[in-house]
């Protein structure tokens, strides 16, 4: 029986293996600033504010300044509310995943 492996399938497999190996060696999930960092932190900040804290005006800033990994850079509007200078478009893309993990589906997966 002859197997027909194309060069492109072998190349994809090798590249995938290298990327997977590199990601596991980096262990970014152990670093408090590894996964959600820089601009992504600001895009992501809308999600806990909306789904967990119910505070899109960021009035309770102590919640967002617990340690270096949870700091959210907000700016004061002058009328007891704050805002993020980045748009919420990426947060809308992240929202189905965030909501599923932080509601029943995420709890079901964690129980398994």
PDB file of N, CA and C in Angstrom:
ATOM      1  N   UNK A   1       0.848  -1.166   0.000  1.00  0.00           N
ATOM      2  CA  UNK A   1       0.000   0.000   0.000  1.00  0.00           C
ATOM      3  C   UNK A   1       0.903   1.242   0.000  1.00  0.00           C
ATOM      4  N   UNK A   2       0.654   2.115  -0.909  1.00  0.00           N
ATOM      5  CA  UNK A   2       1.467   3.317  -1.062  1.00  0.00           C
ATOM      6  C   UNK A   2       0.768   4.500  -0.391  1.00  0.00           C
ATOM      7  N   UNK A   3       1.501   5.205   0.461  1.00  0.00           N
ATOM      8  CA  UNK A   3       0.942   6.410   1.072  1.00  0.00           C
ATOM      9  C   UNK A   3       1.421   7.615   0.287  1.00  0.00           C
ATOM     10  N   UNK A   4       0.540   8.560   0.141  1.00  0.00           N
ATOM     11  CA  UNK A   4       0.836   9.741  -0.663  1.00  0.00           C
ATOM     12  C   UNK A   4       0.928  10.964   0.244  1.00  0.00           C
ATOM     13  N   UNK A   5       2.135  11.236   0.745  1.00  0.00           N
ATOM     14  CA  UNK A   5       2.352  12.414   1.572  1.00  0.00           C
ATOM     15  C   UNK A   5       2.880  13.527   0.677  1.00  0.00           C
ATOM     16  N   UNK A   6       2.189  14.621   0.667  1.00  0.00           N
ATOM     17  CA  UNK A   6       2.666  15.748  -0.124  1.00  0.00           C
ATOM     18  C   UNK A   6       3.635  16.587   0.710  1.00  0.00           C
ATOM     19  N   UNK A   7       4.465  17.322   0.031  1.00  0.00           N
ATOM     20  CA  UNK A   7       5.434  18.192   0.692  1.00  0.00           C
ATOM     21  C   UNK A   7       4.739  19.219   1.576  1.00  0.00           C
ATOM     22  N   UNK A   8       3.616  19.766   1.114  1.00  0.00           N
ATOM     23  CA  UNK A   8       2.931  20.806   1.887  1.00  0.00           C
ATOM     24  C   UNK A   8       2.346  20.244   3.184  1.00  0.00           C
ATOM     25  N   UNK A   9       1.826  19.027   3.176  1.00  0.00           N
ATOM     26  CA  UNK A   9       1.295  18.430   4.404  1.00  0.00           C
ATOM     27  C   UNK A   9       2.408  18.183   5.418  1.00  0.00           C
ATOM     28  N   UNK A  10       3.536  17.730   4.945  1.00  0.00           N
ATOM     29  CA  UNK A  10       4.673  17.498   5.833  1.00  0.00           C
ATOM     30  C   UNK A  10       5.179  18.830   6.399  1.00  0.00           C
ATOM     31  N   UNK A  11       5.241  19.859   5.568  1.00  0.00           N
ATOM     32  CA  UNK A  11       5.693  21.182   6.022  1.00  0.00           C
ATOM     33  C   UNK A  11       4.735  21.758   7.059  1.00  0.00           C
ATOM     34  N   UNK A  12       3.445  21.623   6.818  1.00  0.00           N
ATOM     35  CA  UNK A  12       2.452  22.117   7.786  1.00  0.00           C
ATOM     36  C   UNK A  12       2.590  21.377   9.105  1.00  0.00           C
ATOM     37  N   UNK A  13       2.768  20.082   9.055  1.00  0.00           N
ATOM     38  CA  UNK A  13       2.934  19.299  10.280  1.00  0.00           C
ATOM     39  C   UNK A  13       4.185  19.726  11.049  1.00  0.00           C
ATOM     40  N   UNK A  14       5.279  19.941  10.352  1.00  0.00           N
ATOM     41  CA  UNK A  14       6.522  20.352  11.006  1.00  0.00           C
ATOM     42  C   UNK A  14       6.378  21.740  11.628  1.00  0.00           C
ATOM     43  N   UNK A  15       5.787  22.666  10.896  1.00  0.00           N
ATOM     44  CA  UNK A  15       5.593  24.023  11.427  1.00  0.00           C
ATOM     45  C   UNK A  15       4.662  24.000  12.632  1.00  0.00           C
ATOM     46  N   UNK A  16       3.575  23.262  12.546  1.00  0.00           N
ATOM     47  CA  UNK A  16       2.636  23.143  13.662  1.00  0.00           C
ATOM     48  C   UNK A  16       3.338  22.561  14.887  1.00  0.00           C
ATOM     49  N   UNK A  17       4.152  21.548  14.690  1.00  0.00           N
ATOM     50  CA  UNK A  17       4.873  20.924  15.803  1.00  0.00           C
ATOM     51  C   UNK A  17       5.840  21.901  16.454  1.00  0.00           C
ATOM     52  N   UNK A  18       6.547  22.676  15.650  1.00  0.00           N
ATOM     53  CA  UNK A  18       7.493  23.661  16.189  1.00  0.00           C
ATOM     54  C   UNK A  18       6.765  24.739  16.983  1.00  0.00           C
ATOM     55  N   UNK A  19       5.674  25.251  16.444  1.00  0.00           N
ATOM     56  CA  UNK A  19       4.908  26.290  17.148  1.00  0.00           C
ATOM     57  C   UNK A  19       4.342  25.739  18.449  1.00  0.00           C
ATOM     58  N   UNK A  20       3.792  24.541  18.417  1.00  0.00           N
ATOM     59  CA  UNK A  20       3.243  23.930  19.624  1.00  0.00           C
ATOM     60  C   UNK A  20       4.337  23.728  20.680  1.00  0.00           C
ATOM     61  N   UNK A  21       5.472  23.204  20.280  1.00  0.00           N
ATOM     62  CA  UNK A  21       6.589  22.984  21.192  1.00  0.00           C
ATOM     63  C   UNK A  21       7.074  24.303  21.793  1.00  0.00           C
ATOM     64  N   UNK A  22       7.207  25.327  20.955  1.00  0.00           N
ATOM     65  CA  UNK A  22       7.665  26.639  21.422  1.00  0.00           C
ATOM     66  C   UNK A  22       6.693  27.243  22.429  1.00  0.00           C
ATOM     67  N   UNK A  23       5.403  27.135  22.155  1.00  0.00           N
ATOM     68  CA  UNK A  23       4.406  27.679  23.085  1.00  0.00           C
ATOM     69  C   UNK A  23       4.440  26.972  24.431  1.00  0.00           C
ATOM     70  N   UNK A  24       4.617  25.670  24.423  1.00  0.00           N
ATOM     71  CA  UNK A  24       4.692  24.947  25.695  1.00  0.00           C
ATOM     72  C   UNK A  24       5.990  25.245  26.441  1.00  0.00           C
ATOM     73  N   UNK A  25       7.058  25.511  25.732  1.00  0.00           N
ATOM     74  CA  UNK A  25       8.317  25.853  26.382  1.00  0.00           C
ATOM     75  C   UNK A  25       8.286  27.256  26.985  1.00  0.00           C
ATOM     76  N   UNK A  26       7.554  28.185  26.368  1.00  0.00           N
ATOM     77  CA  UNK A  26       7.496  29.573  26.844  1.00  0.00           C
ATOM     78  C   UNK A  26       6.709  29.695  28.140  1.00  0.00           C
ATOM     79  N   UNK A  27       5.708  28.861  28.349  1.00  0.00           N
ATOM     80  CA  UNK A  27       4.870  28.858  29.561  1.00  0.00           C
ATOM     81  C   UNK A  27       4.345  30.247  29.900  1.00  0.00           C
ATOM     82  N   UNK A  28       3.776  30.914  28.920  1.00  0.00           N
ATOM     83  CA  UNK A  28       3.235  32.262  29.132  1.00  0.00           C
ATOM     84  C   UNK A  28       2.079  32.264  30.127  1.00  0.00           C
ATOM     85  N   UNK A  29       1.398  31.156  30.298  1.00  0.00           N
ATOM     86  CA  UNK A  29       0.269  31.107  31.220  1.00  0.00           C
ATOM     87  C   UNK A  29       0.724  31.227  32.672  1.00  0.00           C
ATOM     88  N   UNK A  30       2.010  31.004  32.962  1.00  0.00           N
ATOM     89  CA  UNK A  30       2.529  31.168  34.321  1.00  0.00           C
ATOM     90  C   UNK A  30       2.897  32.615  34.635  1.00  0.00           C
ATOM     91  N   UNK A  31       3.075  33.430  33.624  1.00  0.00           N
ATOM     92  CA  UNK A  31       3.470  34.824  33.796  1.00  0.00           C
ATOM     93  C   UNK A  31       2.215  35.678  33.928  1.00  0.00           C
ATOM     94  N   UNK A  32       2.151  36.520  34.944  1.00  0.00           N
ATOM     95  CA  UNK A  32       0.952  37.333  35.160  1.00  0.00           C
ATOM     96  C   UNK A  32       0.717  38.329  34.027  1.00  0.00           C
ATOM     97  N   UNK A  33       1.733  38.664  33.269  1.00  0.00           N
ATOM     98  CA  UNK A  33       1.576  39.577  32.137  1.00  0.00           C
ATOM     99  C   UNK A  33       1.751  38.859  30.808  1.00  0.00           C
ATOM    100  N   UNK A  34       1.634  37.551  30.790  1.00  0.00           N
ATOM    101  CA  UNK A  34       1.958  36.792  29.598  1.00  0.00           C
ATOM    102  C   UNK A  34       0.856  36.697  28.564  1.00  0.00           C
ATOM    103  N   UNK A  35      -0.344  36.377  28.949  1.00  0.00           N
ATOM    104  CA  UNK A  35      -1.411  36.115  27.991  1.00  0.00           C
ATOM    105  C   UNK A  35      -2.122  37.400  27.581  1.00  0.00           C
ATOM    106  N   UNK A  36      -2.603  38.131  28.555  1.00  0.00           N
ATOM    107  CA  UNK A  36      -3.334  39.373  28.263  1.00  0.00           C
ATOM    108  C   UNK A  36      -2.409  40.526  28.618  1.00  0.00           C
ATOM    109  N   UNK A  37      -1.907  41.211  27.595  1.00  0.00           N
ATOM    110  CA  UNK A  37      -0.882  42.219  27.815  1.00  0.00           C
ATOM    111  C   UNK A  37      -1.083  43.392  26.863  1.00  0.00           C
ATOM    112  N   UNK A  38      -0.578  44.527  27.233  1.00  0.00           N
ATOM    113  CA  UNK A  38      -0.549  45.745  26.415  1.00  0.00           C
ATOM    114  C   UNK A  38      -1.955  46.155  25.979  1.00  0.00           C
ATOM    115  N   UNK A  39      -2.148  46.396  24.697  1.00  0.00           N
ATOM    116  CA  UNK A  39      -3.447  46.867  24.209  1.00  0.00           C
ATOM    117  C   UNK A  39      -4.558  45.846  24.456  1.00  0.00           C
ATOM    118  N   UNK A  40      -4.216  44.584  24.417  1.00  0.00           N
ATOM    119  CA  UNK A  40      -5.231  43.546  24.624  1.00  0.00           C
ATOM    120  C   UNK A  40      -5.862  43.690  25.993  1.00  0.00           C
ATOM    121  N   UNK A  41      -5.078  44.100  26.984  1.00  0.00           N
ATOM    122  CA  UNK A  41      -5.633  44.312  28.325  1.00  0.00           C
ATOM    123  C   UNK A  41      -6.720  45.383  28.298  1.00  0.00           C
ATOM    124  N   UNK A  42      -6.510  46.436  27.539  1.00  0.00           N
ATOM    125  CA  UNK A  42      -7.509  47.503  27.456  1.00  0.00           C
ATOM    126  C   UNK A  42      -8.748  47.031  26.701  1.00  0.00           C
ATOM    127  N   UNK A  43      -8.558  46.276  25.615  1.00  0.00           N
ATOM    128  CA  UNK A  43      -9.707  45.736  24.899  1.00  0.00           C
ATOM    129  C   UNK A  43     -10.485  44.766  25.785  1.00  0.00           C
ATOM    130  N   UNK A  44      -9.752  43.939  26.514  1.00  0.00           N
ATOM    131  CA  UNK A  44     -10.348  42.921  27.374  1.00  0.00           C
ATOM    132  C   UNK A  44     -11.054  43.554  28.579  1.00  0.00           C
ATOM    133  N   UNK A  45     -10.640  44.739  29.017  1.00  0.00           N
ATOM    134  CA  UNK A  45     -11.169  45.368  30.226  1.00  0.00           C
ATOM    135  C   UNK A  45     -12.670  45.595  30.171  1.00  0.00           C
ATOM    136  N   UNK A  46     -13.208  45.774  28.986  1.00  0.00           N
ATOM    137  CA  UNK A  46     -14.653  45.970  28.869  1.00  0.00           C
ATOM    138  C   UNK A  46     -15.425  44.747  29.353  1.00  0.00           C
ATOM    139  N   UNK A  47     -14.899  43.561  29.157  1.00  0.00           N
ATOM    140  CA  UNK A  47     -15.638  42.338  29.454  1.00  0.00           C
ATOM    141  C   UNK A  47     -15.877  42.113  30.939  1.00  0.00           C
ATOM    142  N   UNK A  48     -14.846  42.132  31.810  1.00  0.00           N
ATOM    143  CA  UNK A  48     -15.144  42.004  33.239  1.00  0.00           C
ATOM    144  C   UNK A  48     -15.979  43.169  33.755  1.00  0.00           C
ATOM    145  N   UNK A  49     -15.752  44.357  33.191  1.00  0.00           N
ATOM    146  CA  UNK A  49     -16.541  45.511  33.627  1.00  0.00           C
ATOM    147  C   UNK A  49     -18.029  45.292  33.341  1.00  0.00           C
ATOM    148  N   UNK A  50     -18.341  44.726  32.203  1.00  0.00           N
ATOM    149  CA  UNK A  50     -19.737  44.513  31.820  1.00  0.00           C
ATOM    150  C   UNK A  50     -20.338  43.284  32.477  1.00  0.00           C
ATOM    151  N   UNK A  51     -19.687  42.132  32.345  1.00  0.00           N
ATOM    152  CA  UNK A  51     -20.301  40.876  32.776  1.00  0.00           C
ATOM    153  C   UNK A  51     -20.106  40.551  34.247  1.00  0.00           C
ATOM    154  N   UNK A  52     -19.038  41.007  34.858  1.00  0.00           N
ATOM    155  CA  UNK A  52     -18.763  40.657  36.253  1.00  0.00           C
ATOM    156  C   UNK A  52     -19.103  41.801  37.200  1.00  0.00           C
ATOM    157  N   UNK A  53     -18.571  43.011  36.914  1.00  0.00           N
ATOM    158  CA  UNK A  53     -18.730  44.136  37.840  1.00  0.00           C
ATOM    159  C   UNK A  53     -19.927  45.030  37.509  1.00  0.00           C
ATOM    160  N   UNK A  54     -20.513  44.882  36.328  1.00  0.00           N
ATOM    161  CA  UNK A  54     -21.642  45.714  35.881  1.00  0.00           C
ATOM    162  C   UNK A  54     -21.327  47.202  36.069  1.00  0.00           C
ATOM    163  N   UNK A  55     -20.171  47.615  35.579  1.00  0.00           N
ATOM    164  CA  UNK A  55     -19.660  48.954  35.833  1.00  0.00           C
ATOM    165  C   UNK A  55     -18.927  49.477  34.593  1.00  0.00           C
ATOM    166  N   UNK A  56     -19.658  49.794  33.543  1.00  0.00           N
ATOM    167  CA  UNK A  56     -19.021  50.287  32.324  1.00  0.00           C
ATOM    168  C   UNK A  56     -18.523  51.719  32.449  1.00  0.00           C
ATOM    169  N   UNK A  57     -18.881  52.407  33.518  1.00  0.00           N
ATOM    170  CA  UNK A  57     -18.349  53.750  33.760  1.00  0.00           C
ATOM    171  C   UNK A  57     -17.061  53.702  34.562  1.00  0.00           C
ATOM    172  N   UNK A  58     -16.641  52.511  34.964  1.00  0.00           N
ATOM    173  CA  UNK A  58     -15.411  52.294  35.718  1.00  0.00           C
ATOM    174  C   UNK A  58     -15.350  53.187  36.955  1.00  0.00           C
ATOM    175  N   UNK A  59     -16.476  53.305  37.659  1.00  0.00           N
ATOM    176  CA  UNK A  59     -16.533  54.149  38.854  1.00  0.00           C
ATOM    177  C   UNK A  59     -15.835  53.512  40.047  1.00  0.00           C
ATOM    178  N   UNK A  60     -15.766  52.194  40.072  1.00  0.00           N
ATOM    179  CA  UNK A  60     -15.116  51.496  41.184  1.00  0.00           C
ATOM    180  C   UNK A  60     -13.717  51.083  40.749  1.00  0.00           C
ATOM    181  N   UNK A  61     -12.840  52.044  40.682  1.00  0.00           N
ATOM    182  CA  UNK A  61     -11.502  51.799  40.125  1.00  0.00           C
ATOM    183  C   UNK A  61     -10.668  50.865  40.982  1.00  0.00           C
ATOM    184  N   UNK A  62     -10.990  50.714  42.268  1.00  0.00           N
ATOM    185  CA  UNK A  62     -10.205  49.820  43.118  1.00  0.00           C
ATOM    186  C   UNK A  62     -10.296  48.369  42.646  1.00  0.00           C
ATOM    187  N   UNK A  63     -11.373  48.020  41.975  1.00  0.00           N
ATOM    188  CA  UNK A  63     -11.533  46.666  41.451  1.00  0.00           C
ATOM    189  C   UNK A  63     -10.511  46.398  40.352  1.00  0.00           C
ATOM    190  N   UNK A  64     -10.169  47.423  39.595  1.00  0.00           N
ATOM    191  CA  UNK A  64      -9.305  47.251  38.433  1.00  0.00           C
ATOM    192  C   UNK A  64      -7.837  47.531  38.718  1.00  0.00           C
ATOM    193  N   UNK A  65      -7.473  47.758  39.963  1.00  0.00           N
ATOM    194  CA  UNK A  65      -6.092  48.078  40.300  1.00  0.00           C
ATOM    195  C   UNK A  65      -5.565  47.178  41.420  1.00  0.00           C
ATOM    196  N   UNK A  66      -5.957  45.919  41.415  1.00  0.00           N
ATOM    197  CA  UNK A  66      -5.535  45.007  42.477  1.00  0.00           C
ATOM    198  C   UNK A  66      -4.046  44.715  42.426  1.00  0.00           C
ATOM    199  N   UNK A  67      -3.542  44.420  41.281  1.00  0.00           N
ATOM    200  CA  UNK A  67      -2.114  44.187  41.108  1.00  0.00           C
ATOM    201  C   UNK A  67      -1.734  44.536  39.675  1.00  0.00           C
ATOM    202  N   UNK A  68      -0.490  44.355  39.359  1.00  0.00           N
ATOM    203  CA  UNK A  68       0.000  44.768  38.038  1.00  0.00           C
ATOM    204  C   UNK A  68      -0.728  44.059  36.894  1.00  0.00           C
ATOM    205  N   UNK A  69      -1.163  42.829  37.117  1.00  0.00           N
ATOM    206  CA  UNK A  69      -1.772  42.064  36.035  1.00  0.00           C
ATOM    207  C   UNK A  69      -3.223  42.472  35.767  1.00  0.00           C
ATOM    208  N   UNK A  70      -3.854  43.238  36.669  1.00  0.00           N
ATOM    209  CA  UNK A  70      -5.249  43.627  36.454  1.00  0.00           C
ATOM    210  C   UNK A  70      -5.440  45.127  36.271  1.00  0.00           C
ATOM    211  N   UNK A  71      -4.368  45.882  36.174  1.00  0.00           N
ATOM    212  CA  UNK A  71      -4.490  47.332  36.017  1.00  0.00           C
ATOM    213  C   UNK A  71      -5.154  47.655  34.683  1.00  0.00           C
ATOM    214  N   UNK A  72      -6.127  48.553  34.738  1.00  0.00           N
ATOM    215  CA  UNK A  72      -6.786  49.040  33.530  1.00  0.00           C
ATOM    216  C   UNK A  72      -6.555  50.541  33.476  1.00  0.00           C
ATOM    217  N   UNK A  73      -6.033  51.013  32.359  1.00  0.00           N
ATOM    218  CA  UNK A  73      -5.746  52.433  32.222  1.00  0.00           C
ATOM    219  C   UNK A  73      -7.005  53.154  31.771  1.00  0.00           C
ATOM    220  N   UNK A  74      -7.639  53.849  32.712  1.00  0.00           N
ATOM    221  CA  UNK A  74      -8.847  54.611  32.417  1.00  0.00           C
ATOM    222  C   UNK A  74      -8.543  56.092  32.570  1.00  0.00           C
ATOM    223  N   UNK A  75      -9.379  56.897  31.958  1.00  0.00           N
ATOM    224  CA  UNK A  75      -9.215  58.348  31.998  1.00  0.00           C
ATOM    225  C   UNK A  75     -10.488  58.962  32.552  1.00  0.00           C
ATOM    226  N   UNK A  76     -10.331  60.004  33.361  1.00  0.00           N
ATOM    227  CA  UNK A  76     -11.452  60.633  34.049  1.00  0.00           C
ATOM    228  C   UNK A  76     -12.221  61.559  33.108  1.00  0.00           C
ATOM    229  N   UNK A  77     -13.560  61.492  33.171  1.00  0.00           N
ATOM    230  CA  UNK A  77     -14.398  62.379  32.363  1.00  0.00           C
ATOM    231  C   UNK A  77     -14.746  63.659  33.105  1.00  0.00           C
ATOM    232  N   UNK A  78     -14.546  63.660  34.423  1.00  0.00           N
ATOM    233  CA  UNK A  78     -14.849  64.846  35.214  1.00  0.00           C
ATOM    234  C   UNK A  78     -16.184  64.766  35.927  1.00  0.00           C
ATOM    235  N   UNK A  79     -17.023  63.800  35.591  1.00  0.00           N
ATOM    236  CA  UNK A  79     -18.331  63.677  36.251  1.00  0.00           C
ATOM    237  C   UNK A  79     -18.478  62.308  36.915  1.00  0.00           C
ATOM    238  N   UNK A  80     -17.443  61.893  37.636  1.00  0.00           N
ATOM    239  CA  UNK A  80     -17.436  60.655  38.406  1.00  0.00           C
ATOM    240  C   UNK A  80     -17.568  59.399  37.543  1.00  0.00           C
ATOM    241  N   UNK A  81     -17.121  59.466  36.344  1.00  0.00           N
ATOM    242  CA  UNK A  81     -17.036  58.251  35.523  1.00  0.00           C
ATOM    243  C   UNK A  81     -15.731  58.286  34.749  1.00  0.00           C
ATOM    244  N   UNK A  82     -15.338  57.125  34.284  1.00  0.00           N
ATOM    245  CA  UNK A  82     -14.070  56.980  33.600  1.00  0.00           C
ATOM    246  C   UNK A  82     -14.307  56.260  32.284  1.00  0.00           C
ATOM    247  N   UNK A  83     -13.319  56.295  31.396  1.00  0.00           N
ATOM    248  CA  UNK A  83     -13.452  55.629  30.104  1.00  0.00           C
ATOM    249  C   UNK A  83     -12.094  55.084  29.669  1.00  0.00           C
ATOM    250  N   UNK A  84     -12.137  54.170  28.718  1.00  0.00           N
ATOM    251  CA  UNK A  84     -10.935  53.619  28.112  1.00  0.00           C
ATOM    252  C   UNK A  84     -10.790  54.265  26.747  1.00  0.00           C
ATOM    253  N   UNK A  85      -9.586  54.656  26.390  1.00  0.00           N
ATOM    254  CA  UNK A  85      -9.380  55.357  25.123  1.00  0.00           C
ATOM    255  C   UNK A  85      -9.417  54.439  23.901  1.00  0.00           C
ATOM    256  N   UNK A  86      -9.562  53.154  24.092  1.00  0.00           N
ATOM    257  CA  UNK A  86      -9.640  52.226  22.971  1.00  0.00           C
ATOM    258  C   UNK A  86     -11.084  51.825  22.724  1.00  0.00           C
ATOM    259  N   UNK A  87     -11.386  51.459  21.509  1.00  0.00           N
ATOM    260  CA  UNK A  87     -12.760  51.078  21.174  1.00  0.00           C
ATOM    261  C   UNK A  87     -13.090  49.707  21.744  1.00  0.00           C
ATOM    262  N   UNK A  88     -14.363  49.390  21.740  1.00  0.00           N
ATOM    263  CA  UNK A  88     -14.820  48.120  22.301  1.00  0.00           C
ATOM    264  C   UNK A  88     -15.010  47.042  21.233  1.00  0.00           C
ATOM    265  N   UNK A  89     -14.543  47.269  20.019  1.00  0.00           N
ATOM    266  CA  UNK A  89     -14.745  46.307  18.935  1.00  0.00           C
ATOM    267  C   UNK A  89     -14.143  44.944  19.218  1.00  0.00           C
ATOM    268  N   UNK A  90     -12.914  44.896  19.706  1.00  0.00           N
ATOM    269  CA  UNK A  90     -12.289  43.613  20.014  1.00  0.00           C
ATOM    270  C   UNK A  90     -13.003  42.938  21.179  1.00  0.00           C
ATOM    271  N   UNK A  91     -13.494  43.726  22.132  1.00  0.00           N
ATOM    272  CA  UNK A  91     -14.246  43.144  23.245  1.00  0.00           C
ATOM    273  C   UNK A  91     -15.513  42.464  22.749  1.00  0.00           C
ATOM    274  N   UNK A  92     -16.124  43.024  21.721  1.00  0.00           N
ATOM    275  CA  UNK A  92     -17.312  42.383  21.146  1.00  0.00           C
ATOM    276  C   UNK A  92     -16.955  41.040  20.520  1.00  0.00           C
ATOM    277  N   UNK A  93     -15.790  40.968  19.907  1.00  0.00           N
ATOM    278  CA  UNK A  93     -15.351  39.697  19.323  1.00  0.00           C
ATOM    279  C   UNK A  93     -15.014  38.690  20.424  1.00  0.00           C
ATOM    280  N   UNK A  94     -14.397  39.155  21.521  1.00  0.00           N
ATOM    281  CA  UNK A  94     -14.045  38.266  22.624  1.00  0.00           C
ATOM    282  C   UNK A  94     -15.263  37.857  23.454  1.00  0.00           C
ATOM    283  N   UNK A  95     -16.338  38.632  23.423  1.00  0.00           N
ATOM    284  CA  UNK A  95     -17.446  38.467  24.368  1.00  0.00           C
ATOM    285  C   UNK A  95     -18.117  37.088  24.363  1.00  0.00           C
ATOM    286  N   UNK A  96     -18.375  36.437  23.234  1.00  0.00           N
ATOM    287  CA  UNK A  96     -19.009  35.114  23.337  1.00  0.00           C
ATOM    288  C   UNK A  96     -18.145  34.109  24.099  1.00  0.00           C
ATOM    289  N   UNK A  97     -16.842  34.169  23.889  1.00  0.00           N
ATOM    290  CA  UNK A  97     -15.945  33.247  24.568  1.00  0.00           C
ATOM    291  C   UNK A  97     -15.872  33.575  26.057  1.00  0.00           C
ATOM    292  N   UNK A  98     -15.772  34.856  26.369  1.00  0.00           N
ATOM    293  CA  UNK A  98     -15.705  35.289  27.765  1.00  0.00           C
ATOM    294  C   UNK A  98     -16.986  34.913  28.502  1.00  0.00           C
ATOM    295  N   UNK A  99     -18.123  35.175  27.884  1.00  0.00           N
ATOM    296  CA  UNK A  99     -19.408  34.886  28.528  1.00  0.00           C
ATOM    297  C   UNK A  99     -19.590  33.386  28.744  1.00  0.00           C
ATOM    298  N   UNK A 100     -19.218  32.580  27.768  1.00  0.00           N
ATOM    299  CA  UNK A 100     -19.359  31.134  27.916  1.00  0.00           C
ATOM    300  C   UNK A 100     -18.467  30.584  29.020  1.00  0.00           C
ATOM    301  N   UNK A 101     -17.263  31.072  29.103  1.00  0.00           N
ATOM    302  CA  UNK A 101     -16.346  30.585  30.131  1.00  0.00           C
ATOM    303  C   UNK A 101     -16.769  31.065  31.515  1.00  0.00           C
ATOM    304  N   UNK A 102     -17.334  32.258  31.619  1.00  0.00           N
ATOM    305  CA  UNK A 102     -17.698  32.814  32.917  1.00  0.00           C
ATOM    306  C   UNK A 102     -19.147  32.564  33.299  1.00  0.00           C
ATOM    307  N   UNK A 103     -19.819  31.706  32.580  1.00  0.00           N
ATOM    308  CA  UNK A 103     -21.194  31.325  32.946  1.00  0.00           C
ATOM    309  C   UNK A 103     -21.254  29.807  33.042  1.00  0.00           C
ATOM    310  N   UNK A 104     -22.402  29.263  32.832  1.00  0.00           N
ATOM    311  CA  UNK A 104     -22.635  27.832  33.019  1.00  0.00           C
ATOM    312  C   UNK A 104     -21.753  26.927  32.204  1.00  0.00           C
ATOM    313  N   UNK A 105     -21.457  27.276  30.969  1.00  0.00           N
ATOM    314  CA  UNK A 105     -20.644  26.398  30.132  1.00  0.00           C
ATOM    315  C   UNK A 105     -19.249  26.257  30.717  1.00  0.00           C
ATOM    316  N   UNK A 106     -18.674  27.363  31.153  1.00  0.00           N
ATOM    317  CA  UNK A 106     -17.347  27.308  31.748  1.00  0.00           C
ATOM    318  C   UNK A 106     -17.326  26.500  33.039  1.00  0.00           C
ATOM    319  N   UNK A 107     -18.350  26.646  33.855  1.00  0.00           N
ATOM    320  CA  UNK A 107     -18.431  25.871  35.083  1.00  0.00           C
ATOM    321  C   UNK A 107     -18.611  24.392  34.785  1.00  0.00           C
ATOM    322  N   UNK A 108     -19.380  24.072  33.752  1.00  0.00           N
ATOM    323  CA  UNK A 108     -19.582  22.678  33.357  1.00  0.00           C
ATOM    324  C   UNK A 108     -18.269  22.061  32.893  1.00  0.00           C
ATOM    325  N   UNK A 109     -17.502  22.801  32.111  1.00  0.00           N
ATOM    326  CA  UNK A 109     -16.231  22.296  31.618  1.00  0.00           C
ATOM    327  C   UNK A 109     -15.260  22.088  32.767  1.00  0.00           C
ATOM    328  N   UNK A 110     -15.256  23.013  33.739  1.00  0.00           N
ATOM    329  CA  UNK A 110     -14.327  22.912  34.859  1.00  0.00           C
ATOM    330  C   UNK A 110     -14.688  21.725  35.766  1.00  0.00           C
ATOM    331  N   UNK A 111     -15.969  21.366  35.846  1.00  0.00           N
ATOM    332  CA  UNK A 111     -16.380  20.237  36.669  1.00  0.00           C
ATOM    333  C   UNK A 111     -15.901  18.931  36.062  1.00  0.00           C
ATOM    334  N   UNK A 112     -15.933  18.854  34.733  1.00  0.00           N
ATOM    335  CA  UNK A 112     -15.548  17.613  34.049  1.00  0.00           C
ATOM    336  C   UNK A 112     -14.170  17.282  34.302  1.00  0.00           C
TER     337      UNK A 112
END
